[in-house]
């Protein structure tokens, strides 16, 4: 289950992000991810591992919002872009050339974070 490894990487990234706001600790509501269809990441499993990993941490109660990015290939013969299909061997629909270039669909990145910074003023 590589969703566990992906969650570990997300947590490392979020901890690095948190350090940028030190000494205050942001309250994170939602972490928006771009997840490509060709990453072999199961969104439900990623959400499950995230929920388990953030329990009792500074990210407790935060949610993952996953934005799916479709697999798009570019044919190097005819230069057209297309949505490759597994059942056709990911070949170009116009000339049946094998897919050599992936335009999108391999993304796994943090797109944005919805958060609140606590007030640092004291009375």
Protein backbone atom coordinates (compact mmCIF):
# COMPACT_ATOMS: atom_id res chain seq x y z
CA UNK A 1 0.00 0.00 0.00
CA UNK A 2 1.99 3.00 -1.19
CA UNK A 3 -0.68 5.35 0.15
CA UNK A 4 1.08 5.04 3.51
CA UNK A 5 4.34 6.23 1.95
CA UNK A 6 2.50 9.06 0.20
CA UNK A 7 0.93 10.09 3.50
CA UNK A 8 4.36 10.12 5.15
CA UNK A 9 5.64 12.43 2.40
CA UNK A 10 2.60 14.69 2.80
CA UNK A 11 3.18 14.88 6.54
CA UNK A 12 6.84 15.79 6.02
CA UNK A 13 5.81 18.54 3.59
CA UNK A 14 3.18 19.84 5.98
CA UNK A 15 5.67 19.85 8.88
CA UNK A 16 8.11 21.86 6.74
CA UNK A 17 5.26 24.24 5.88
CA UNK A 18 4.38 24.58 9.58
CA UNK A 19 7.95 25.68 10.35
CA UNK A 20 7.48 28.67 8.05
CA UNK A 21 4.83 29.96 10.48
CA UNK A 22 6.77 29.30 13.70
CA UNK A 23 6.34 30.06 16.52
CA UNK A 24 2.59 29.95 15.87
CA UNK A 25 0.94 26.72 14.79
CA UNK A 26 -1.64 27.08 12.01
CA UNK A 27 -5.01 25.37 12.33
CA UNK A 28 -5.37 23.43 9.10
CA UNK A 29 -8.87 22.85 7.80
CA UNK A 30 -8.25 21.31 4.37
CA UNK A 31 -5.22 20.18 2.38
CA UNK A 32 -6.06 20.28 -1.34
CA UNK A 33 -4.15 17.74 -3.40
CA UNK A 34 -3.76 17.18 -7.11
CA UNK A 35 -3.62 13.44 -7.74
CA UNK A 36 -3.01 12.15 -11.24
CA UNK A 37 -5.01 9.20 -12.50
CA UNK A 38 -1.75 7.48 -13.52
CA UNK A 39 -0.19 7.58 -10.03
CA UNK A 40 -1.89 4.37 -8.92
CA UNK A 41 -2.98 6.16 -5.73
CA UNK A 42 -6.39 5.17 -4.44
CA UNK A 43 -7.99 8.41 -3.16
CA UNK A 44 -10.13 6.63 -0.53
CA UNK A 45 -7.07 4.83 0.84
CA UNK A 46 -5.06 8.05 0.89
CA UNK A 47 -7.81 9.79 2.87
CA UNK A 48 -8.00 6.81 5.25
CA UNK A 49 -4.24 6.80 5.91
CA UNK A 50 -4.24 10.62 6.30
CA UNK A 51 -7.04 10.48 8.89
CA UNK A 52 -5.19 7.80 10.86
CA UNK A 53 -1.83 9.59 10.65
CA UNK A 54 -3.03 13.03 11.78
CA UNK A 55 -5.03 11.81 14.77
CA UNK A 56 -3.65 13.39 17.96
CA UNK A 57 -1.30 15.66 16.00
CA UNK A 58 -1.30 19.36 15.11
CA UNK A 59 -3.18 18.33 11.92
CA UNK A 60 -5.99 16.53 13.80
CA UNK A 61 -9.35 17.29 12.26
CA UNK A 62 -7.91 18.39 8.92
CA UNK A 63 -9.26 16.90 5.73
CA UNK A 64 -7.81 15.98 2.36
CA UNK A 65 -9.61 17.28 -0.71
CA UNK A 66 -8.45 15.36 -3.75
CA UNK A 67 -8.65 16.90 -7.20
CA UNK A 68 -8.19 14.23 -9.83
CA UNK A 69 -5.96 15.03 -12.81
CA UNK A 70 -6.74 12.96 -15.92
CA UNK A 71 -4.11 11.01 -17.82
CA UNK A 72 -3.30 12.87 -21.03
CA UNK A 73 -0.69 11.68 -23.50
CA UNK A 74 0.89 13.33 -26.51
CA UNK A 75 1.59 11.38 -29.68
CA UNK A 76 5.17 12.04 -30.81
CA UNK A 77 4.25 11.07 -34.38
CA UNK A 78 1.21 13.27 -35.03
CA UNK A 79 1.66 15.66 -32.02
CA UNK A 80 -1.97 15.25 -30.92
CA UNK A 81 -2.98 14.97 -27.28
CA UNK A 82 -5.36 12.26 -26.17
CA UNK A 83 -6.75 10.41 -23.17
CA UNK A 84 -4.93 7.05 -23.27
CA UNK A 85 -6.94 3.93 -22.53
CA UNK A 86 -5.55 0.78 -20.93
CA UNK A 87 -7.68 -1.42 -23.18
CA UNK A 88 -5.93 0.00 -26.28
CA UNK A 89 -2.48 -0.32 -24.77
CA UNK A 90 -2.31 3.46 -24.23
CA UNK A 91 -1.73 3.89 -27.98
CA UNK A 92 -2.55 7.04 -29.89
CA UNK A 93 -6.10 6.81 -31.30
CA UNK A 94 -5.08 8.55 -34.52
CA UNK A 95 -2.08 6.45 -35.54
CA UNK A 96 -1.79 3.64 -32.93
CA UNK A 97 1.71 4.78 -31.96
CA UNK A 98 2.61 3.75 -28.37
CA UNK A 99 2.36 6.47 -25.76
CA UNK A 100 5.80 7.99 -25.22
CA UNK A 101 4.96 11.31 -23.60
CA UNK A 102 2.70 11.95 -20.61
CA UNK A 103 1.33 15.49 -20.48
CA UNK A 104 -0.61 15.05 -17.24
CA UNK A 105 -1.81 12.34 -14.90
CA UNK A 106 1.31 11.67 -12.82
CA UNK A 107 0.84 14.57 -10.39
CA UNK A 108 0.82 14.14 -6.64
CA UNK A 109 1.20 17.56 -5.11
CA UNK A 110 -0.23 19.89 -2.55
CA UNK A 111 -2.27 22.44 -4.47
CA UNK A 112 -3.26 24.64 -1.52
CA UNK A 113 -3.95 24.62 2.21
CA UNK A 114 -6.96 26.17 3.94
CA UNK A 115 -5.79 27.33 7.36
CA UNK A 116 -6.17 29.87 10.13
CA UNK A 117 -3.30 31.50 11.98
CA UNK A 118 -4.00 32.12 15.65
CA UNK A 119 -3.60 35.65 16.91
CA UNK A 120 -0.12 36.34 18.23
CA UNK A 121 -1.11 39.40 20.25
CA UNK A 122 -1.47 39.19 24.02
CA UNK A 123 -3.42 41.44 26.38
